[in-house]
Structure formats: C-alpha cells, structure tokens
Amino acid sequence: MESLVPAPYRSAATLNSAIAKQHSSTVALVPPEEVWPQVQAARKALRDKGLYRWPPHMNLLYPFVAPAHFGAAAALLASSLEALATPVITLDALACFGGRSRGVLYACCSSTEDTEALQRIQEALQASMPYCDDQQRKNEGGKR
C-alpha cells in the first residue's frame, strides 16, 4: 500500500524537524454550530481577544504547522488515530482561565470517561506530532 505521506515526511521526526510552527493554525475540536451563539456570547462577555480570530474550539495541538504542510501532517495524524475507537465526547461544563481583565472561556467534560477519551485523542495526536508540544509543556499534562 502506498503511503499518503510524501516521501520527505514519512516519519514524524522528519516532518517535525522540517517545519516551523505557526500560531495561526491548530488542530482543534470544534463544537456543533448550533451551540456557537451561547459560547460566543460568553466569550464576548469575557472579552476573549480571540473572539473574532477563532471559532469556538478546543485546541489539541497548538501552535501547528503552516498550511503548506497540512497534507503531510494530516496523514500522520490520521494514522495515529486509526487505532482509537471514535468516542462521543460531551463537553458539558464551562470554566475560564486568565485574569479579571481578560478571560478565556473553555469547555470541559464533567465525566471521567469523557475526560479520559479526550486525553487519549490528544495523546495519539501528540505522539504523531511531538514537535507541536507547546501546550503540554506549559505544565503537567497541559493543564493550567
């Protein structure tokens, strides 16, 4: 079977060392559009500086690669997720980080099962793109 990843990028190490990360791209979960109005209203109330730059989302790998490398990166990410079951994850709680002058709203799971499923997805993605580990390096497990 022919690889979907271009020859120069057949390994994560090669792709990860060949590219520069960009703060204008991410691998993220995006909620269904029907919940966007409520999320956007909360983000606006919190003066989220990314309100007009980013849709409602949950970053899994950020910063990510330049658009020119999306194809190769997507092939690596897809192969890393093949072994995982496709879970239904419910993000049913909201919290924020940041200070009084600027808050960033984030969604989270109230169930341990959903949290663990989300962690498995992030770990699989991180394993295929170890170079994009900025969030994980913030502190243990990327938690704030």
N, C-alpha and C. Protein backbone atom coordinates (compact mmCIF):
# COMPACT_ATOMS: atom_id res chain seq x y z
N MET A 1 0.84 -1.18 0.00
CA MET A 1 0.00 0.00 0.00
C MET A 1 0.89 1.25 0.00
N GLU A 2 0.60 2.18 -0.87
CA GLU A 2 1.39 3.40 -0.97
C GLU A 2 1.05 4.35 0.16
N SER A 3 2.07 4.97 0.72
CA SER A 3 1.87 5.90 1.82
C SER A 3 1.23 7.19 1.33
N LEU A 4 0.33 7.75 2.16
CA LEU A 4 -0.29 9.04 1.85
C LEU A 4 0.64 10.20 2.19
N VAL A 5 1.66 9.92 2.97
CA VAL A 5 2.59 10.95 3.41
C VAL A 5 3.68 11.09 2.35
N PRO A 6 3.94 12.32 1.87
CA PRO A 6 5.00 12.50 0.89
C PRO A 6 6.33 11.94 1.40
N ALA A 7 7.13 11.39 0.51
CA ALA A 7 8.38 10.72 0.86
C ALA A 7 9.26 11.52 1.82
N PRO A 8 9.45 12.83 1.61
CA PRO A 8 10.35 13.53 2.54
C PRO A 8 9.84 13.59 3.97
N TYR A 9 8.54 13.30 4.19
CA TYR A 9 7.94 13.45 5.51
C TYR A 9 7.40 12.12 6.05
N ARG A 10 7.98 11.00 5.69
CA ARG A 10 7.42 9.71 6.06
C ARG A 10 7.51 9.42 7.54
N SER A 11 8.23 10.20 8.28
CA SER A 11 8.26 10.00 9.73
C SER A 11 7.93 11.30 10.42
N ALA A 12 7.36 11.19 11.60
CA ALA A 12 7.04 12.39 12.38
C ALA A 12 8.30 13.19 12.65
N ALA A 13 9.41 12.50 12.91
CA ALA A 13 10.65 13.22 13.20
C ALA A 13 11.08 14.07 12.02
N THR A 14 10.97 13.53 10.81
CA THR A 14 11.35 14.29 9.63
C THR A 14 10.43 15.48 9.43
N LEU A 15 9.14 15.26 9.51
CA LEU A 15 8.19 16.36 9.34
C LEU A 15 8.37 17.39 10.44
N ASN A 16 8.50 16.94 11.66
CA ASN A 16 8.60 17.85 12.79
C ASN A 16 9.88 18.68 12.76
N SER A 17 10.95 18.15 12.20
CA SER A 17 12.19 18.92 12.15
C SER A 17 12.25 19.80 10.91
N ALA A 18 11.39 19.56 9.94
CA ALA A 18 11.45 20.29 8.67
C ALA A 18 10.58 21.53 8.63
N ILE A 19 9.77 21.74 9.63
CA ILE A 19 8.79 22.82 9.54
C ILE A 19 8.85 23.74 10.76
N ALA A 20 8.31 24.90 10.56
CA ALA A 20 8.15 25.85 11.67
C ALA A 20 6.68 25.87 12.06
N LYS A 21 6.43 25.95 13.34
CA LYS A 21 5.04 26.04 13.82
C LYS A 21 4.53 27.45 13.61
N GLN A 22 3.21 27.56 13.46
CA GLN A 22 2.59 28.86 13.30
C GLN A 22 1.46 29.01 14.31
N HIS A 23 1.37 30.19 14.92
CA HIS A 23 0.31 30.45 15.88
C HIS A 23 -1.02 30.76 15.20
N SER A 24 -1.06 30.67 13.89
CA SER A 24 -2.30 30.90 13.15
C SER A 24 -2.96 29.60 12.73
N SER A 25 -2.42 28.46 13.18
CA SER A 25 -3.05 27.18 12.87
C SER A 25 -3.07 26.29 14.10
N THR A 26 -4.03 25.40 14.14
CA THR A 26 -4.21 24.50 15.28
C THR A 26 -4.91 23.22 14.82
N VAL A 27 -4.78 22.19 15.60
CA VAL A 27 -5.64 21.01 15.49
C VAL A 27 -6.58 21.14 16.67
N ALA A 28 -7.87 21.21 16.38
CA ALA A 28 -8.83 21.51 17.44
C ALA A 28 -10.13 20.75 17.24
N LEU A 29 -10.83 20.58 18.34
CA LEU A 29 -12.22 20.11 18.29
C LEU A 29 -13.09 21.36 18.18
N VAL A 30 -14.05 21.32 17.29
CA VAL A 30 -14.96 22.45 17.10
C VAL A 30 -16.38 21.94 17.41
N PRO A 31 -17.09 22.62 18.29
CA PRO A 31 -18.44 22.15 18.65
C PRO A 31 -19.43 22.37 17.49
N PRO A 32 -20.56 21.70 17.55
CA PRO A 32 -21.58 21.90 16.52
C PRO A 32 -22.01 23.37 16.48
N GLU A 33 -22.30 23.86 15.28
CA GLU A 33 -22.63 25.27 15.11
C GLU A 33 -23.86 25.71 15.89
N GLU A 34 -24.76 24.80 16.20
CA GLU A 34 -25.96 25.19 16.94
C GLU A 34 -25.67 25.70 18.36
N VAL A 35 -24.49 25.38 18.90
CA VAL A 35 -24.16 25.89 20.24
C VAL A 35 -23.28 27.14 20.20
N TRP A 36 -22.87 27.54 19.01
CA TRP A 36 -21.98 28.69 18.89
C TRP A 36 -22.57 29.97 19.48
N PRO A 37 -23.84 30.31 19.26
CA PRO A 37 -24.33 31.59 19.79
C PRO A 37 -24.14 31.73 21.30
N GLN A 38 -24.41 30.68 22.06
CA GLN A 38 -24.24 30.74 23.51
C GLN A 38 -22.77 30.86 23.89
N VAL A 39 -21.92 30.10 23.21
CA VAL A 39 -20.49 30.14 23.51
C VAL A 39 -19.91 31.50 23.15
N GLN A 40 -20.29 32.01 21.98
CA GLN A 40 -19.77 33.30 21.54
C GLN A 40 -20.23 34.43 22.47
N ALA A 41 -21.45 34.36 22.97
CA ALA A 41 -21.95 35.38 23.90
C ALA A 41 -21.11 35.37 25.18
N ALA A 42 -20.79 34.18 25.67
CA ALA A 42 -19.96 34.08 26.88
C ALA A 42 -18.55 34.59 26.61
N ARG A 43 -18.00 34.25 25.46
CA ARG A 43 -16.66 34.73 25.11
C ARG A 43 -16.64 36.25 25.00
N LYS A 44 -17.69 36.82 24.44
CA LYS A 44 -17.77 38.28 24.31
C LYS A 44 -17.83 38.93 25.69
N ALA A 45 -18.61 38.35 26.58
CA ALA A 45 -18.72 38.89 27.95
C ALA A 45 -17.38 38.82 28.68
N LEU A 46 -16.58 37.81 28.37
CA LEU A 46 -15.27 37.65 29.00
C LEU A 46 -14.17 38.43 28.26
N ARG A 47 -14.54 39.15 27.22
CA ARG A 47 -13.59 39.92 26.42
C ARG A 47 -12.46 39.04 25.87
N ASP A 48 -12.84 37.89 25.35
CA ASP A 48 -11.89 36.96 24.76
C ASP A 48 -11.28 37.61 23.52
N LYS A 49 -9.97 37.86 23.55
CA LYS A 49 -9.30 38.53 22.44
C LYS A 49 -9.32 37.71 21.15
N GLY A 50 -9.55 36.42 21.26
CA GLY A 50 -9.60 35.57 20.07
C GLY A 50 -10.99 35.42 19.49
N LEU A 51 -11.95 36.15 20.03
CA LEU A 51 -13.35 36.01 19.61
C LEU A 51 -13.53 36.12 18.11
N TYR A 52 -12.89 37.08 17.48
CA TYR A 52 -13.08 37.30 16.05
C TYR A 52 -12.01 36.61 15.20
N ARG A 53 -11.04 36.01 15.85
CA ARG A 53 -9.98 35.30 15.14
C ARG A 53 -10.26 33.80 15.04
N TRP A 54 -10.81 33.25 16.11
CA TRP A 54 -11.02 31.80 16.19
C TRP A 54 -12.49 31.50 16.44
N PRO A 55 -13.01 30.43 15.85
CA PRO A 55 -14.36 29.99 16.20
C PRO A 55 -14.31 29.30 17.57
N PRO A 56 -15.46 28.97 18.14
CA PRO A 56 -15.42 28.16 19.36
C PRO A 56 -14.63 26.88 19.06
N HIS A 57 -13.71 26.53 19.92
CA HIS A 57 -12.87 25.36 19.67
C HIS A 57 -12.15 24.95 20.95
N MET A 58 -11.56 23.75 20.88
CA MET A 58 -10.69 23.25 21.95
C MET A 58 -9.39 22.82 21.28
N ASN A 59 -8.31 23.52 21.56
CA ASN A 59 -7.02 23.18 20.96
C ASN A 59 -6.54 21.84 21.45
N LEU A 60 -6.04 21.05 20.52
CA LEU A 60 -5.39 19.79 20.87
C LEU A 60 -3.88 19.87 20.59
N LEU A 61 -3.53 20.52 19.47
CA LEU A 61 -2.14 20.80 19.14
C LEU A 61 -2.07 22.26 18.70
N TYR A 62 -1.37 23.08 19.47
CA TYR A 62 -1.26 24.50 19.14
C TYR A 62 0.03 25.03 19.72
N PRO A 63 0.80 25.77 18.94
CA PRO A 63 0.64 26.10 17.53
C PRO A 63 0.87 24.87 16.66
N PHE A 64 0.44 24.98 15.42
CA PHE A 64 0.53 23.85 14.50
C PHE A 64 1.34 24.27 13.28
N VAL A 65 1.30 23.47 12.24
CA VAL A 65 2.14 23.69 11.06
C VAL A 65 1.52 24.68 10.08
N ALA A 66 2.33 25.17 9.18
CA ALA A 66 1.87 26.07 8.13
C ALA A 66 0.96 25.32 7.15
N PRO A 67 0.04 26.03 6.51
CA PRO A 67 -0.87 25.38 5.56
C PRO A 67 -0.17 24.54 4.48
N ALA A 68 1.01 24.92 4.08
CA ALA A 68 1.73 24.17 3.06
C ALA A 68 2.03 22.73 3.51
N HIS A 69 2.03 22.50 4.83
CA HIS A 69 2.36 21.18 5.37
C HIS A 69 1.13 20.43 5.90
N PHE A 70 -0.07 20.99 5.72
CA PHE A 70 -1.27 20.36 6.25
C PHE A 70 -1.46 18.94 5.72
N GLY A 71 -1.23 18.71 4.44
CA GLY A 71 -1.44 17.38 3.86
C GLY A 71 -0.61 16.31 4.52
N ALA A 72 0.69 16.57 4.64
CA ALA A 72 1.59 15.60 5.27
C ALA A 72 1.24 15.41 6.73
N ALA A 73 0.96 16.52 7.42
CA ALA A 73 0.62 16.43 8.84
C ALA A 73 -0.70 15.68 9.03
N ALA A 74 -1.68 15.95 8.20
CA ALA A 74 -2.98 15.28 8.31
C ALA A 74 -2.83 13.77 8.13
N ALA A 75 -1.98 13.35 7.21
CA ALA A 75 -1.77 11.91 7.02
C ALA A 75 -1.16 11.28 8.26
N LEU A 76 -0.19 11.95 8.89
CA LEU A 76 0.39 11.43 10.12
C LEU A 76 -0.64 11.39 11.25
N LEU A 77 -1.44 12.44 11.37
CA LEU A 77 -2.45 12.49 12.43
C LEU A 77 -3.50 11.40 12.22
N ALA A 78 -3.95 11.24 10.98
CA ALA A 78 -4.97 10.23 10.69
C ALA A 78 -4.47 8.84 11.04
N SER A 79 -3.22 8.54 10.71
CA SER A 79 -2.71 7.20 11.02
C SER A 79 -2.59 6.99 12.52
N SER A 80 -2.33 8.05 13.28
CA SER A 80 -2.22 7.90 14.73
C SER A 80 -3.58 7.68 15.38
N LEU A 81 -4.65 8.12 14.73
CA LEU A 81 -5.99 7.98 15.31
C LEU A 81 -6.69 6.70 14.88
N GLU A 82 -6.15 6.00 13.89
CA GLU A 82 -6.81 4.80 13.37
C GLU A 82 -7.08 3.75 14.43
N ALA A 83 -6.19 3.60 15.38
CA ALA A 83 -6.33 2.55 16.40
C ALA A 83 -7.34 2.91 17.48
N LEU A 84 -7.75 4.17 17.55
CA LEU A 84 -8.69 4.59 18.59
C LEU A 84 -10.13 4.38 18.14
N ALA A 85 -10.95 3.99 19.08
CA ALA A 85 -12.39 3.97 18.82
C ALA A 85 -12.85 5.42 18.70
N THR A 86 -13.89 5.66 17.93
CA THR A 86 -14.39 7.03 17.79
C THR A 86 -15.38 7.29 18.92
N PRO A 87 -14.93 8.02 19.94
CA PRO A 87 -15.83 8.26 21.07
C PRO A 87 -16.76 9.45 20.81
N VAL A 88 -17.85 9.46 21.52
CA VAL A 88 -18.69 10.65 21.57
C VAL A 88 -18.32 11.32 22.88
N ILE A 89 -17.80 12.52 22.78
CA ILE A 89 -17.33 13.25 23.95
C ILE A 89 -18.28 14.39 24.22
N THR A 90 -18.74 14.47 25.45
CA THR A 90 -19.66 15.53 25.84
C THR A 90 -18.91 16.58 26.64
N LEU A 91 -18.85 17.77 26.08
CA LEU A 91 -18.26 18.91 26.78
C LEU A 91 -19.43 19.64 27.41
N ASP A 92 -19.65 19.38 28.68
CA ASP A 92 -20.87 19.86 29.33
C ASP A 92 -20.62 20.80 30.51
N ALA A 93 -19.39 21.30 30.59
CA ALA A 93 -19.07 22.25 31.66
C ALA A 93 -18.21 23.36 31.07
N LEU A 94 -18.33 24.54 31.63
CA LEU A 94 -17.53 25.68 31.19
C LEU A 94 -16.73 26.22 32.36
N ALA A 95 -15.56 26.74 32.05
CA ALA A 95 -14.72 27.39 33.04
C ALA A 95 -13.91 28.44 32.29
N CYS A 96 -13.15 29.24 33.02
CA CYS A 96 -12.30 30.20 32.33
C CYS A 96 -10.97 30.31 33.05
N PHE A 97 -9.96 30.68 32.28
CA PHE A 97 -8.67 30.99 32.86
C PHE A 97 -8.30 32.39 32.39
N GLY A 98 -7.35 32.97 33.04
CA GLY A 98 -7.00 34.35 32.76
C GLY A 98 -7.36 35.19 33.96
N GLY A 99 -7.15 36.46 33.85
CA GLY A 99 -7.42 37.34 34.98
C GLY A 99 -8.73 38.08 34.85
N ARG A 100 -8.94 39.03 35.74
CA ARG A 100 -10.17 39.83 35.74
C ARG A 100 -10.28 40.68 34.49
N SER A 101 -9.14 41.09 33.94
CA SER A 101 -9.18 41.96 32.76
C SER A 101 -9.34 41.19 31.46
N ARG A 102 -9.06 39.91 31.48
CA ARG A 102 -9.19 39.11 30.27
C ARG A 102 -9.41 37.66 30.66
N GLY A 103 -10.49 37.11 30.20
CA GLY A 103 -10.76 35.71 30.48
C GLY A 103 -10.81 34.91 29.20
N VAL A 104 -10.43 33.65 29.28
CA VAL A 104 -10.55 32.73 28.16
C VAL A 104 -11.48 31.62 28.61
N LEU A 105 -12.59 31.52 27.95
CA LEU A 105 -13.59 30.51 28.27
C LEU A 105 -13.16 29.18 27.66
N TYR A 106 -13.32 28.12 28.43
CA TYR A 106 -13.07 26.80 27.85
C TYR A 106 -14.13 25.82 28.30
N ALA A 107 -14.36 24.86 27.43
CA ALA A 107 -15.32 23.80 27.73
C ALA A 107 -14.55 22.60 28.25
N CYS A 108 -15.17 21.85 29.12
CA CYS A 108 -14.54 20.65 29.65
C CYS A 108 -15.60 19.58 29.90
N CYS A 109 -15.13 18.43 30.21
CA CYS A 109 -16.01 17.28 30.45
C CYS A 109 -16.25 17.13 31.94
N SER A 110 -17.49 16.85 32.31
CA SER A 110 -17.75 16.59 33.72
C SER A 110 -17.56 15.11 34.07
N SER A 111 -17.56 14.24 33.06
CA SER A 111 -17.40 12.82 33.35
C SER A 111 -15.95 12.39 33.16
N THR A 112 -15.49 11.52 34.02
CA THR A 112 -14.14 10.98 33.93
C THR A 112 -13.96 10.21 32.63
N GLU A 113 -14.97 9.48 32.21
CA GLU A 113 -14.90 8.69 30.98
C GLU A 113 -14.65 9.60 29.77
N ASP A 114 -15.39 10.71 29.67
CA ASP A 114 -15.19 11.63 28.57
C ASP A 114 -13.83 12.30 28.64
N THR A 115 -13.40 12.67 29.83
CA THR A 115 -12.09 13.30 30.00
C THR A 115 -10.99 12.34 29.55
N GLU A 116 -11.08 11.08 29.94
CA GLU A 116 -10.07 10.10 29.54
C GLU A 116 -10.08 9.86 28.04
N ALA A 117 -11.25 9.83 27.41
CA ALA A 117 -11.33 9.65 25.96
C ALA A 117 -10.67 10.83 25.25
N LEU A 118 -10.92 12.03 25.73
CA LEU A 118 -10.32 13.23 25.16
C LEU A 118 -8.80 13.20 25.33
N GLN A 119 -8.34 12.75 26.48
CA GLN A 119 -6.89 12.64 26.72
C GLN A 119 -6.25 11.63 25.79
N ARG A 120 -6.94 10.51 25.51
CA ARG A 120 -6.39 9.51 24.59
C ARG A 120 -6.25 10.09 23.18
N ILE A 121 -7.21 10.87 22.76
CA ILE A 121 -7.13 11.51 21.44
C ILE A 121 -5.94 12.46 21.40
N GLN A 122 -5.83 13.31 22.40
CA GLN A 122 -4.74 14.28 22.43
C GLN A 122 -3.40 13.57 22.48
N GLU A 123 -3.27 12.52 23.26
CA GLU A 123 -2.01 11.78 23.36
C GLU A 123 -1.63 11.14 22.03
N ALA A 124 -2.62 10.60 21.31
CA ALA A 124 -2.34 10.00 20.00
C ALA A 124 -1.87 11.06 19.01
N LEU A 125 -2.53 12.21 19.00
CA LEU A 125 -2.12 13.30 18.12
C LEU A 125 -0.72 13.77 18.48
N GLN A 126 -0.48 13.94 19.77
CA GLN A 126 0.83 14.41 20.25
C GLN A 126 1.93 13.43 19.87
N ALA A 127 1.64 12.14 19.93
CA ALA A 127 2.64 11.14 19.58
C ALA A 127 3.04 11.24 18.10
N SER A 128 2.10 11.61 17.25
CA SER A 128 2.42 11.70 15.82
C SER A 128 3.07 13.03 15.46
N MET A 129 2.87 14.04 16.28
CA MET A 129 3.46 15.36 16.04
C MET A 129 4.13 15.86 17.32
N PRO A 130 5.17 15.17 17.80
CA PRO A 130 5.77 15.53 19.08
C PRO A 130 6.35 16.95 19.09
N TYR A 131 6.65 17.48 17.94
CA TYR A 131 7.18 18.82 17.81
C TYR A 131 6.16 19.88 18.24
N CYS A 132 4.89 19.57 18.13
CA CYS A 132 3.81 20.50 18.47
C CYS A 132 3.36 20.27 19.91
N ASP A 133 4.29 20.38 20.84
CA ASP A 133 4.02 20.04 22.24
C ASP A 133 3.93 21.26 23.15
N ASP A 134 3.75 22.44 22.59
CA ASP A 134 3.76 23.67 23.39
C ASP A 134 2.75 23.62 24.54
N GLN A 135 1.54 23.16 24.25
CA GLN A 135 0.52 23.11 25.30
C GLN A 135 0.90 22.12 26.39
N GLN A 136 1.46 21.01 26.02
CA GLN A 136 1.84 20.00 27.00
C GLN A 136 2.98 20.49 27.88
N ARG A 137 3.83 21.35 27.34
CA ARG A 137 4.98 21.85 28.11
C ARG A 137 4.60 22.97 29.06
N LYS A 138 3.40 23.54 28.95
CA LYS A 138 3.00 24.64 29.84
C LYS A 138 3.11 24.19 31.29
N ASN A 139 2.67 23.02 31.55
CA ASN A 139 2.81 22.37 32.84
C ASN A 139 2.34 20.94 32.68
N GLU A 140 2.31 20.19 33.73
CA GLU A 140 1.99 18.77 33.65
C GLU A 140 0.68 18.53 32.92
N GLY A 141 0.75 17.83 31.78
CA GLY A 141 -0.43 17.46 31.03
C GLY A 141 -1.12 18.61 30.34
N GLY A 142 -0.49 19.77 30.26
CA GLY A 142 -1.10 20.91 29.59
C GLY A 142 -2.17 21.60 30.41
N LYS A 143 -2.36 21.17 31.65
CA LYS A 143 -3.40 21.77 32.49
C LYS A 143 -2.92 23.09 33.04
N ARG A 144 -3.83 24.01 33.14
CA ARG A 144 -3.47 25.34 33.64
C ARG A 144 -3.70 25.41 35.13
